[in-house]
Amino acid sequence: MPYINHISMLPAAIPVIVCLVWMTAPEACGNATEAASGFEEHAVEFHNQAVNLAGSLLLPRSEAPVPAVIFVHGAGHHTRESLREVAEYFASHGIAALIYDKRGVGQSGGVYESHRPYENLVNDALAAVAFLKQRGDIAESQIGIWGLSQGAYISAAAASRTDDIKYIVVAGASVADGMMFYYRDNLFRLYGFSGTLRDVAEKAHLAKYSLPHNSPDGFGLSTFAPRTYPPPDQYLHPAWSQVDQPVLAMWGQLDQHVPVGESVAGLKHSLANAKNEKWTVIILPRADHDLGISETGATQSKWPGYAPEALTTMTDWVHAVVDDPSQVGTRRQEGSAENSGVVSKLKRYERMRWYGNAIVQAAHWILFFIVFLANTIVGVRCCLTRLCRGQPSAGSQVSNKVVNFKRAICALNLLILVALSITILLVLDQWHPSCPPVLLFLPLPGTVSTLATIALLIVLTRTRRDPDWSAARKMRFSFDVLCLILFVPFMLYWNLIGLRF
C-alpha cells in the first residue's frame, strides 16, 4: 500500500526536516526580536558629492512621520555598529535613528580623515540631514543630530550651517583649549610613564601641530609667536558660538579625554555669544567620556554600559523638544565639575614656542644629524686606515687628539639623537604610547654626552688654530663649534639630562 511506502521513507526524511527547521529558526527569532523592539532596520545609502555613505535607519513602527536623530561618531575608524546600542534605544522609544559608517570605513566610500576643521565630515552629516528630509516616514521639522566627542564638534558645525537641524544632543564635547593636552596627560598616567616623558611627548606634539594650526596659509612669523589662551568662561568656540538650536550637552564627571569644567564654561560662553539660552547641561557622576559607568574614568577600559539614566535623559529631552518645546528648560545645569587647570599648563609651553616650533626643531635636527654623521664617518674611516697602515708618528698623534675627541663626541651625540628620535616616534602614538625600558634610561648617556660636549667646547676654544688652515677647513671648524653649542640647550629642552625619563 502507498502509505506503507511513505512510512518506510520517514526515517530518511527526519534529517531533512530538522535541517529546514534549523535554517528558518534564526530568521524567525530575528523577526520576533525586531517585532518586540518596536522598530525596523533598513539598510540605506546617501551621498556627499561623489562619496557614497552606507548606513542603517532604525525606524519605529508608526503610521505618522516620526522624529529622527543622526548619530555622528567620535574620532577613530568607526562603523555604524559602534553607535548601535544608543541608536536602538532611541528607535525603541519612538525616535528614528540613522547610523552610518564613517567615510573610508566599513561599507562607506571616500578616504578616512580625522583632522580639523572636519569639513568633509560636517558635509557628510549635512548629507544625512538632506537624505532624511526626503523620506515621507520622517517628520522633516523634527530632525536632530547627536555627536560624541569629535562628533560633538561636527554636530555643532553642521547645526550652525542649516536650520534643518532642529536640536542637538552631544556627549563628551570639548569646548575649550587644551583637550589633547589633558587627554595625553591622563593617557601617560594610565601607562605608568613619568611626567618627564609626558613632557617629551607634549613638546613633540606641539612641534608636530605648530605649522598647520598657527600658519594655515604657509610659513610665516605667526608660526613662532605664542598663542593666547583665554579663560574658559571667555572662550569662544568657532562652531558653538553660532548655534541657536536647543542643546542637550552631557559629560561624565570622570572624563579623562576632555576637561569637563573648562568645557562646560566654554560651552556656556559660546552659546551666550549666539544669544542661545535653550541649553541643558548634565554632568553624570561615576561616568566616563562615553557616558559609560566608571569608578575612575580611565581611558581604554572595557565598555561597561551606559551610566544610569543617561539614555533615558536623552530620549526624554528629545521628546520634550519635539512635542512641547515650552517644557524644555533654559540655562539649566545638573551636576558640576571642577576645572582641571589645563589652560595654565598650556601657557607655560607657549613661553618656549619659538624654540619648540617645528621649523626650529627640524632645523636643529637636520644640522645635528649632518654634522655628527659626517664626523662619525670620517672618524671611522680614519680608525680603519690607522689599523691597516700602522700607528702614525708621535707628533701626529698629539696634534690629532683634539680632533679624535671631537669625532668621538659627535658619534655619541649621533646615537643620542637617533635614540631620541625613536623615543619621540613611540610616544607620539595617541592610542598606545610606548617606550622600551632601555630608552627610559636615555637621559643617563645624555648627561654624559652633554658634559662631554661642554668639555669639548672648552678644549676647542683653547686650541690654537693652524694659520695654514684653508678657508674651507675654517668654515667646517666654525660649523662644528656652532653645532656643539646649539646641542647643549637642545638636550636641556628635551629632558635628556638626568638618570631616566
Protein backbone atom coordinates (compact mmCIF):
# COMPACT_ATOMS: atom_id res chain seq x y z
CA MET A 1 0.00 0.00 0.00
CA PRO A 2 1.21 3.55 -0.76
CA TYR A 3 1.09 4.81 2.85
CA ILE A 4 3.34 1.92 3.91
CA ASN A 5 5.97 3.14 1.43
CA HIS A 6 5.67 6.66 2.89
CA ILE A 7 6.18 5.33 6.43
CA SER A 8 9.30 3.50 5.36
CA MET A 9 10.74 6.76 3.97
CA LEU A 10 10.11 8.70 7.21
CA PRO A 11 13.49 7.95 8.91
CA ALA A 12 15.34 9.27 5.88
CA ALA A 13 13.24 12.47 5.82
CA ILE A 14 13.80 13.37 9.51
CA PRO A 15 17.31 14.88 9.00
CA VAL A 16 15.99 16.98 6.11
CA ILE A 17 13.12 18.28 8.24
CA VAL A 18 15.45 19.10 11.14
CA CYS A 19 17.80 20.95 8.80
CA LEU A 20 14.96 23.05 7.37
CA VAL A 21 13.70 23.93 10.84
CA TRP A 22 17.23 24.92 11.95
CA MET A 23 17.71 27.15 8.88
CA THR A 24 14.45 29.04 9.43
CA ALA A 25 14.84 29.39 13.20
CA PRO A 26 17.26 32.36 13.21
CA GLU A 27 15.08 34.32 10.82
CA ALA A 28 12.02 33.65 12.90
CA CYS A 29 13.90 34.61 16.05
CA GLY A 30 15.18 37.79 14.42
CA ASN A 31 11.71 38.79 13.28
CA ALA A 32 10.37 38.17 16.76
CA THR A 33 13.11 40.32 18.31
CA GLU A 34 12.52 43.10 15.79
CA ALA A 35 8.80 42.97 16.43
CA ALA A 36 9.33 43.15 20.18
CA SER A 37 11.66 46.13 19.84
CA GLY A 38 9.05 48.19 18.02
CA PHE A 39 11.25 49.30 15.13
CA GLU A 40 12.53 48.08 11.79
CA GLU A 41 16.04 48.32 10.41
CA HIS A 42 16.65 49.40 6.83
CA ALA A 43 19.97 49.43 5.01
CA VAL A 44 20.34 52.88 3.42
CA GLU A 45 22.79 54.87 1.32
CA PHE A 46 23.23 58.60 0.86
CA HIS A 47 25.81 60.73 -0.88
CA ASN A 48 28.11 63.66 -0.17
CA GLN A 49 29.07 64.64 -3.69
CA ALA A 50 30.96 61.62 -5.09
CA VAL A 51 31.30 59.83 -1.75
CA ASN A 52 28.79 57.08 -1.02
CA LEU A 53 27.95 56.64 2.67
CA ALA A 54 26.37 53.40 3.85
CA GLY A 55 24.30 53.11 6.99
CA SER A 56 21.23 51.77 8.76
CA LEU A 57 17.99 53.56 9.52
CA LEU A 58 16.27 52.24 12.64
CA LEU A 59 12.67 53.22 12.05
CA PRO A 60 9.93 52.98 14.73
CA ARG A 61 6.67 51.45 13.60
CA SER A 62 4.26 54.33 13.18
CA GLU A 63 1.60 55.42 10.74
CA ALA A 64 2.63 59.06 11.17
CA PRO A 65 6.06 60.54 10.41
CA VAL A 66 8.40 60.25 13.38
CA PRO A 67 11.23 62.46 14.71
CA ALA A 68 14.73 61.39 13.79
CA VAL A 69 18.29 61.75 15.04
CA ILE A 70 21.51 61.46 13.02
CA PHE A 71 24.36 59.90 15.01
CA VAL A 72 27.89 61.22 14.43
CA HIS A 73 30.97 59.26 15.50
CA GLY A 74 33.85 60.40 17.64
CA ALA A 75 37.47 60.15 16.48
CA GLY A 76 38.66 56.82 15.10
CA HIS A 77 37.82 54.29 12.40
CA HIS A 78 34.22 53.58 13.37
CA THR A 79 31.41 51.73 11.62
CA ARG A 80 27.74 52.12 12.41
CA GLU A 81 28.00 49.27 14.94
CA SER A 82 29.82 51.42 17.49
CA LEU A 83 26.66 53.51 17.90
CA ARG A 84 24.12 50.74 17.59
CA GLU A 85 23.33 50.48 21.30
CA VAL A 86 22.30 54.10 21.72
CA ALA A 87 20.58 54.16 18.31
CA GLU A 88 18.45 51.12 19.16
CA TYR A 89 17.43 52.75 22.43
CA PHE A 90 16.26 55.86 20.57
CA ALA A 91 14.39 53.78 17.98
CA SER A 92 12.68 51.67 20.63
CA HIS A 93 11.46 54.92 22.21
CA GLY A 94 9.85 56.31 19.08
CA ILE A 95 12.75 58.27 17.58
CA ALA A 96 14.22 57.15 14.27
CA ALA A 97 18.00 56.72 14.36
CA LEU A 98 20.35 57.00 11.39
CA ILE A 99 23.77 55.42 11.97
CA TYR A 100 26.37 55.17 9.22
CA ASP A 101 29.90 54.00 8.57
CA LYS A 102 32.42 56.83 8.71
CA ARG A 103 33.86 57.79 5.32
CA GLY A 104 36.65 55.42 4.36
CA VAL A 105 35.45 52.84 6.91
CA GLY A 106 33.22 49.79 6.57
CA GLN A 107 30.95 49.96 3.54
CA SER A 108 31.29 53.74 3.08
CA GLY A 109 33.41 55.18 0.30
CA GLY A 110 35.87 58.04 0.38
CA VAL A 111 39.09 58.40 2.33
CA TYR A 112 39.16 58.28 6.11
CA GLU A 113 40.07 61.56 7.78
CA SER A 114 40.09 62.89 11.30
CA HIS A 115 41.51 66.40 11.40
CA ARG A 116 40.12 69.88 11.80
CA PRO A 117 38.19 71.64 10.51
CA TYR A 118 36.44 68.32 9.69
CA GLU A 119 34.94 69.91 6.59
CA ASN A 120 34.14 66.66 4.79
CA LEU A 121 32.77 65.06 7.96
CA VAL A 122 30.48 68.04 8.55
CA ASN A 123 29.23 67.80 4.97
CA ASP A 124 28.63 64.07 5.48
CA ALA A 125 26.34 64.90 8.39
CA LEU A 126 24.54 67.55 6.33
CA ALA A 127 24.07 64.99 3.55
CA ALA A 128 22.43 62.70 6.10
CA VAL A 129 20.03 65.51 7.02
CA ALA A 130 19.11 66.02 3.37
CA PHE A 131 18.56 62.28 2.98
CA LEU A 132 16.13 62.10 5.92
CA LYS A 133 14.19 65.13 4.69
CA GLN A 134 13.32 63.25 1.52
CA ARG A 135 11.66 60.38 3.38
CA GLY A 136 7.93 60.51 3.97
CA ASP A 137 8.19 58.48 7.18
CA ILE A 138 10.38 61.13 8.85
CA ALA A 139 8.99 64.38 10.25
CA GLU A 140 11.29 66.83 8.49
CA SER A 141 10.68 69.55 11.09
CA GLN A 142 11.87 67.20 13.86
CA ILE A 143 15.33 66.12 12.69
CA GLY A 144 18.14 66.42 15.23
CA ILE A 145 21.77 65.44 15.49
CA TRP A 146 23.73 63.52 18.13
CA GLY A 147 27.52 63.65 18.47
CA LEU A 148 30.15 62.06 20.69
CA SER A 149 33.48 63.80 21.38
CA GLN A 150 34.82 64.79 17.93
CA GLY A 151 31.27 64.20 16.70
CA ALA A 152 30.08 66.94 19.05
CA TYR A 153 32.23 69.47 17.19
CA ILE A 154 30.94 68.14 13.85
CA SER A 155 27.34 68.28 15.08
CA ALA A 156 27.70 71.87 16.22
CA ALA A 157 29.36 72.89 12.95
CA ALA A 158 26.60 71.21 10.94
CA ALA A 159 23.84 72.78 13.04
CA SER A 160 25.38 76.24 12.67
CA ARG A 161 25.04 75.96 8.87
CA THR A 162 21.43 74.87 8.49
CA ASP A 163 18.01 75.40 10.02
CA ASP A 164 17.05 71.83 9.06
CA ILE A 165 18.71 70.56 12.26
CA LYS A 166 16.20 71.39 14.98
CA TYR A 167 18.06 70.22 18.13
CA ILE A 168 21.45 68.91 19.23
CA VAL A 169 22.45 66.19 21.72
CA VAL A 170 26.16 65.85 22.47
CA ALA A 171 28.27 63.76 24.82
CA GLY A 172 31.87 64.44 25.87
CA ALA A 173 32.15 67.67 23.91
CA SER A 174 35.43 69.59 24.01
CA VAL A 175 34.58 73.28 24.14
CA ALA A 176 37.81 74.74 25.49
CA ASP A 177 41.54 74.82 24.80
CA GLY A 178 43.83 72.01 25.86
CA MET A 179 41.71 68.91 25.21
CA MET A 180 44.52 66.83 23.67
CA PHE A 181 46.99 68.02 26.30
CA TYR A 182 44.56 66.90 29.03
CA TYR A 183 43.93 63.57 27.28
CA ARG A 184 47.64 62.77 26.82
CA ASP A 185 48.35 63.69 30.42
CA ASN A 186 45.83 61.10 31.61
CA LEU A 187 46.85 58.55 28.97
CA PHE A 188 50.50 58.63 30.04
CA ARG A 189 49.50 58.20 33.67
CA LEU A 190 47.46 55.16 32.64
CA TYR A 191 50.59 53.66 31.04
CA GLY A 192 52.67 54.48 34.10
CA PHE A 193 55.04 56.90 32.37
CA SER A 194 56.71 59.71 34.30
CA GLY A 195 55.95 63.39 33.98
CA THR A 196 59.31 63.85 32.28
CA LEU A 197 58.37 61.51 29.42
CA ARG A 198 54.92 63.10 29.20
CA ASP A 199 56.70 66.42 28.80
CA VAL A 200 58.75 65.00 25.92
CA ALA A 201 55.57 63.72 24.25
CA GLU A 202 53.78 67.03 24.68
CA LYS A 203 56.67 69.00 23.20
CA ALA A 204 56.74 66.61 20.26
CA HIS A 205 53.01 67.10 19.65
CA LEU A 206 53.29 70.88 19.92
CA ALA A 207 56.06 70.80 17.32
CA LYS A 208 54.08 68.45 15.08
CA TYR A 209 50.95 70.61 15.06
CA SER A 210 52.54 74.07 15.22
CA LEU A 211 52.65 74.58 11.44
CA PRO A 212 49.09 73.66 10.37
CA HIS A 213 47.47 75.26 13.43
CA ASN A 214 49.37 78.54 13.58
CA SER A 215 50.21 79.09 9.94
CA PRO A 216 47.37 77.76 7.77
CA ASP A 217 48.49 79.83 4.79
CA GLY A 218 52.08 78.61 4.82
CA PHE A 219 55.29 79.56 6.58
CA GLY A 220 55.21 82.83 8.43
CA LEU A 221 56.16 84.69 11.57
CA SER A 222 52.88 83.69 13.22
CA THR A 223 54.34 80.20 13.48
CA PHE A 224 56.82 81.48 16.08
CA ALA A 225 54.50 83.80 18.01
CA PRO A 226 52.93 82.49 21.21
CA ARG A 227 49.21 81.92 21.11
CA THR A 228 46.87 83.35 23.73
CA TYR A 229 44.58 81.02 25.65
CA PRO A 230 41.52 82.81 27.06
CA PRO A 231 39.99 81.63 30.35
CA PRO A 232 37.26 79.00 29.79
CA ASP A 233 34.48 81.44 30.69
CA GLN A 234 35.76 83.78 27.95
CA TYR A 235 36.45 81.13 25.32
CA LEU A 236 34.51 81.37 22.04
CA HIS A 237 34.20 78.12 20.12
CA PRO A 238 34.06 78.69 16.34
CA ALA A 239 31.03 76.43 15.86
CA TRP A 240 29.14 76.58 19.16
CA SER A 241 29.17 80.38 19.16
CA GLN A 242 26.85 80.24 16.11
CA VAL A 243 24.40 77.57 17.31
CA ASP A 244 20.87 78.78 18.14
CA GLN A 245 19.06 75.41 18.33
CA PRO A 246 18.11 73.74 21.66
CA VAL A 247 21.13 71.89 23.08
CA LEU A 248 21.47 68.97 25.47
CA ALA A 249 25.13 68.58 26.48
CA MET A 250 26.20 65.70 28.71
CA TRP A 251 29.54 64.81 30.27
CA GLY A 252 30.82 62.12 32.58
CA GLN A 253 32.25 63.69 35.71
CA LEU A 254 35.28 61.35 35.48
CA ASP A 255 36.01 62.12 31.82
CA GLN A 256 39.76 61.75 31.13
CA HIS A 257 39.54 62.77 27.46
CA VAL A 258 38.03 66.21 27.91
CA PRO A 259 38.49 68.78 30.72
CA VAL A 260 34.86 68.88 31.81
CA GLY A 261 34.93 72.03 33.94
CA GLU A 262 36.57 74.07 31.21
CA SER A 263 34.29 72.62 28.51
CA VAL A 264 31.11 73.46 30.43
CA ALA A 265 32.28 77.05 30.91
CA GLY A 266 33.34 77.29 27.25
CA LEU A 267 30.00 75.96 26.02
CA LYS A 268 28.01 78.38 28.14
CA HIS A 269 30.02 81.38 26.96
CA SER A 270 29.91 80.28 23.33
CA LEU A 271 26.12 79.80 23.40
CA ALA A 272 25.73 83.15 25.15
CA ASN A 273 27.61 84.71 22.24
CA ALA A 274 24.96 83.16 19.95
CA LYS A 275 22.23 84.52 22.28
CA ASN A 276 21.11 80.94 22.83
CA GLU A 277 19.57 80.23 26.23
CA LYS A 278 17.88 76.97 25.23
CA TRP A 279 20.50 74.68 26.70
CA THR A 280 20.63 71.93 29.28
CA VAL A 281 23.94 70.75 30.75
CA ILE A 282 24.08 67.46 32.64
CA ILE A 283 27.21 66.10 34.33
CA LEU A 284 26.78 62.47 35.33
CA PRO A 285 28.64 61.23 38.42
CA ARG A 286 30.63 57.98 38.12
CA ALA A 287 30.65 58.21 34.31
CA ASP A 288 33.47 58.43 31.76
CA HIS A 289 33.97 60.19 28.43
CA ASP A 290 31.46 57.97 26.59
CA LEU A 291 28.94 58.30 29.45
CA GLY A 292 29.74 54.72 30.45
CA ILE A 293 29.66 53.51 34.04
CA SER A 294 33.07 54.08 35.63
CA GLU A 295 34.74 54.45 39.00
CA THR A 296 37.95 56.02 37.70
CA GLY A 297 37.17 57.32 34.19
CA ALA A 298 40.31 55.56 32.90
CA THR A 299 40.74 55.58 29.12
CA GLN A 300 40.75 52.38 27.02
CA SER A 301 38.77 50.42 29.61
CA LYS A 302 36.26 47.73 28.65
CA TRP A 303 32.83 49.12 27.79
CA PRO A 304 30.66 48.72 30.91
CA GLY A 305 27.38 50.03 29.52
CA TYR A 306 25.82 53.46 29.84
CA ALA A 307 25.54 55.19 33.18
CA PRO A 308 22.07 55.03 34.78
CA GLU A 309 19.58 57.44 33.27
CA ALA A 310 21.98 58.55 30.51
CA LEU A 311 19.92 57.22 27.61
CA THR A 312 16.58 57.94 29.27
CA THR A 313 17.60 61.56 29.80
CA MET A 314 18.46 61.90 26.10
CA THR A 315 15.23 60.43 24.72
CA ASP A 316 13.02 62.24 27.24
CA TRP A 317 14.69 65.54 26.31
CA VAL A 318 14.23 64.92 22.57
CA HIS A 319 10.54 64.10 23.06
CA ALA A 320 10.13 67.28 25.09
CA VAL A 321 11.76 69.34 22.32
CA VAL A 322 9.59 67.90 19.52
CA ASP A 323 6.34 67.53 21.48
CA ASP A 324 6.28 70.71 23.55
CA PRO A 325 9.32 72.98 23.27
CA SER A 326 8.00 75.20 26.05
CA GLN A 327 8.77 72.39 28.52
CA VAL A 328 12.48 72.46 27.69
CA GLY A 329 14.42 74.26 30.37
CA THR A 330 16.60 77.27 29.64
CA ARG A 331 20.12 77.68 31.04
CA ARG A 332 19.68 74.54 33.13
CA GLN A 333 22.54 72.57 34.66
CA GLU A 334 22.65 69.36 36.71
CA GLY A 335 25.87 68.28 38.37
CA SER A 336 29.22 70.03 38.50
CA ALA A 337 32.87 69.53 37.64
CA GLU A 338 36.00 71.39 38.70
CA ASN A 339 38.42 72.98 36.29
CA SER A 340 41.50 70.87 35.56
CA GLY A 341 43.89 73.81 35.19
CA VAL A 342 44.95 72.67 31.73
CA VAL A 343 44.99 76.19 30.30
CA SER A 344 47.66 77.35 32.75
CA LYS A 345 49.80 74.35 31.73
CA LEU A 346 49.47 75.27 28.08
CA LYS A 347 50.58 78.82 28.77
CA ARG A 348 53.84 77.51 30.23
CA TYR A 349 54.59 75.70 26.96
CA GLU A 350 53.77 78.79 24.94
CA ARG A 351 56.68 80.67 26.54
CA MET A 352 59.07 78.36 24.68
CA ARG A 353 57.02 78.15 21.50
CA TRP A 354 59.65 79.99 19.47
CA TYR A 355 62.16 77.27 20.31
CA GLY A 356 59.87 74.24 20.29
CA ASN A 357 58.33 75.18 16.95
CA ALA A 358 58.51 72.60 14.15
CA ILE A 359 60.70 74.79 11.92
CA VAL A 360 63.28 75.47 14.62
CA GLN A 361 63.36 71.87 15.82
CA ALA A 362 63.60 70.45 12.31
CA ALA A 363 66.46 72.82 11.51
CA HIS A 364 68.28 71.75 14.68
CA TRP A 365 67.77 68.06 13.96
CA ILE A 366 69.00 68.32 10.36
CA LEU A 367 72.05 70.35 11.40
CA PHE A 368 72.98 67.91 14.17
CA PHE A 369 72.43 64.86 12.02
CA ILE A 370 74.60 66.14 9.15
CA VAL A 371 77.48 67.36 11.35
CA PHE A 372 77.51 64.39 13.72
CA LEU A 373 77.16 61.84 10.93
CA ALA A 374 79.92 63.44 8.86
CA ASN A 375 82.31 63.48 11.82
CA THR A 376 81.41 59.90 12.70
CA ILE A 377 82.02 58.65 9.17
CA VAL A 378 85.39 60.44 8.97
CA GLY A 379 86.36 59.10 12.39
CA VAL A 380 85.50 55.51 11.46
CA ARG A 381 87.40 55.84 8.20
CA CYS A 382 90.48 57.20 9.98
CA CYS A 383 90.40 54.37 12.50
CA LEU A 384 90.22 51.77 9.76
CA THR A 385 93.09 53.47 7.90
CA ARG A 386 95.20 53.53 11.06
CA LEU A 387 94.59 49.85 11.65
CA CYS A 388 95.58 48.98 8.10
CA ARG A 389 98.66 51.20 7.84
CA GLY A 390 100.03 51.05 11.38
CA GLN A 391 100.42 53.76 14.04
CA PRO A 392 101.17 57.35 12.98
CA SER A 393 104.08 59.37 14.36
CA ALA A 394 104.10 60.74 17.92
CA GLY A 395 103.78 64.32 16.68
CA SER A 396 100.81 63.42 14.55
CA GLN A 397 99.13 61.62 17.50
CA VAL A 398 99.44 64.72 19.68
CA SER A 399 98.02 67.04 17.02
CA ASN A 400 95.09 64.71 16.34
CA LYS A 401 93.96 64.20 19.95
CA VAL A 402 91.50 67.08 19.90
CA VAL A 403 90.13 66.07 16.50
CA ASN A 404 89.69 62.46 17.61
CA PHE A 405 87.98 63.62 20.81
CA LYS A 406 85.59 65.74 18.75
CA ARG A 407 84.75 62.83 16.45
CA ALA A 408 84.13 60.50 19.38
CA ILE A 409 81.76 63.03 20.99
CA CYS A 410 79.98 63.53 17.68
CA ALA A 411 79.48 59.77 17.37
CA LEU A 412 77.99 59.65 20.89
CA ASN A 413 75.75 62.63 20.16
CA LEU A 414 74.57 60.97 16.96
CA LEU A 415 73.49 57.89 18.91
CA ILE A 416 71.64 60.11 21.41
CA LEU A 417 69.91 61.94 18.55
CA VAL A 418 68.77 58.70 16.90
CA ALA A 419 67.57 57.25 20.23
CA LEU A 420 65.63 60.44 20.98
CA SER A 421 64.01 60.32 17.53
CA ILE A 422 62.88 56.72 18.14
CA THR A 423 61.53 57.67 21.56
CA ILE A 424 59.53 60.57 20.12
CA LEU A 425 58.03 58.39 17.40
CA LEU A 426 56.92 55.85 20.02
CA VAL A 427 55.34 58.36 22.39
CA LEU A 428 53.56 60.20 19.57
CA ASP A 429 51.04 57.35 19.35
CA GLN A 430 47.82 58.87 20.68
CA TRP A 431 46.23 55.48 21.40
CA HIS A 432 49.04 53.27 22.71
CA PRO A 433 52.20 55.25 23.54
CA SER A 434 55.19 53.10 24.40
CA CYS A 435 58.80 53.35 25.49
CA PRO A 436 61.09 50.31 25.88
CA PRO A 437 62.87 50.17 29.27
CA VAL A 438 66.25 50.73 27.64
CA LEU A 439 65.07 54.07 26.24
CA LEU A 440 63.75 55.18 29.63
CA PHE A 441 67.40 55.49 30.71
CA LEU A 442 68.35 57.64 27.71
CA PRO A 443 68.92 60.74 29.91
CA LEU A 444 71.85 58.97 31.61
CA PRO A 445 74.03 58.74 28.47
CA GLY A 446 72.51 62.08 27.51
CA THR A 447 74.06 63.62 30.62
CA VAL A 448 77.43 62.13 29.72
CA SER A 449 77.05 63.41 26.17
CA THR A 450 76.14 66.92 27.33
CA LEU A 451 79.04 67.17 29.81
CA ALA A 452 81.46 65.81 27.19
CA THR A 453 80.16 68.34 24.67
CA ILE A 454 80.74 71.20 27.11
CA ALA A 455 84.23 69.88 27.84
CA LEU A 456 84.94 69.64 24.12
CA LEU A 457 83.82 73.24 23.59
CA ILE A 458 86.22 74.39 26.32
CA VAL A 459 89.06 72.46 24.69
CA LEU A 460 88.25 73.85 21.26
CA THR A 461 88.22 77.45 22.49
CA ARG A 462 91.70 76.95 23.99
CA THR A 463 93.12 75.17 20.98
CA ARG A 464 95.29 77.27 18.72
CA ARG A 465 94.27 77.23 15.10
CA ASP A 466 96.85 76.38 12.50
CA PRO A 467 97.46 79.51 10.35
CA ASP A 468 97.81 77.23 7.34
CA TRP A 469 94.16 76.16 7.56
CA SER A 470 92.24 76.69 4.37
CA ALA A 471 89.06 78.74 4.27
CA ALA A 472 87.03 75.54 3.86
CA ARG A 473 88.62 73.97 6.94
CA LYS A 474 88.00 77.12 9.00
CA MET A 475 84.38 77.07 7.89
CA ARG A 476 83.99 73.39 8.86
CA PHE A 477 85.56 74.11 12.25
CA SER A 478 83.19 77.04 12.90
CA PHE A 479 80.24 74.94 11.75
CA ASP A 480 81.19 72.15 14.16
CA VAL A 481 81.56 74.58 17.07
CA LEU A 482 78.17 76.18 16.32
CA CYS A 483 76.55 72.74 16.20
CA LEU A 484 78.06 71.73 19.55
CA ILE A 485 76.94 74.99 21.17
CA LEU A 486 73.34 74.53 19.95
CA PHE A 487 73.32 70.91 21.05
CA VAL A 488 73.52 71.75 24.78
CA PRO A 489 70.18 73.70 25.03
CA PHE A 490 68.63 71.10 22.73
CA MET A 491 69.47 68.40 25.29
CA LEU A 492 68.04 70.53 28.10
CA TYR A 493 64.80 71.20 26.20
CA TRP A 494 64.16 67.50 25.54
CA ASN A 495 64.86 66.44 29.15
CA LEU A 496 67.96 64.46 28.14
CA ILE A 497 69.88 65.36 31.29
CA GLY A 498 69.26 63.18 34.32
CA LEU A 499 69.04 59.50 35.19
CA ARG A 500 65.91 58.43 33.31
CA PHE A 501 62.66 59.63 31.81
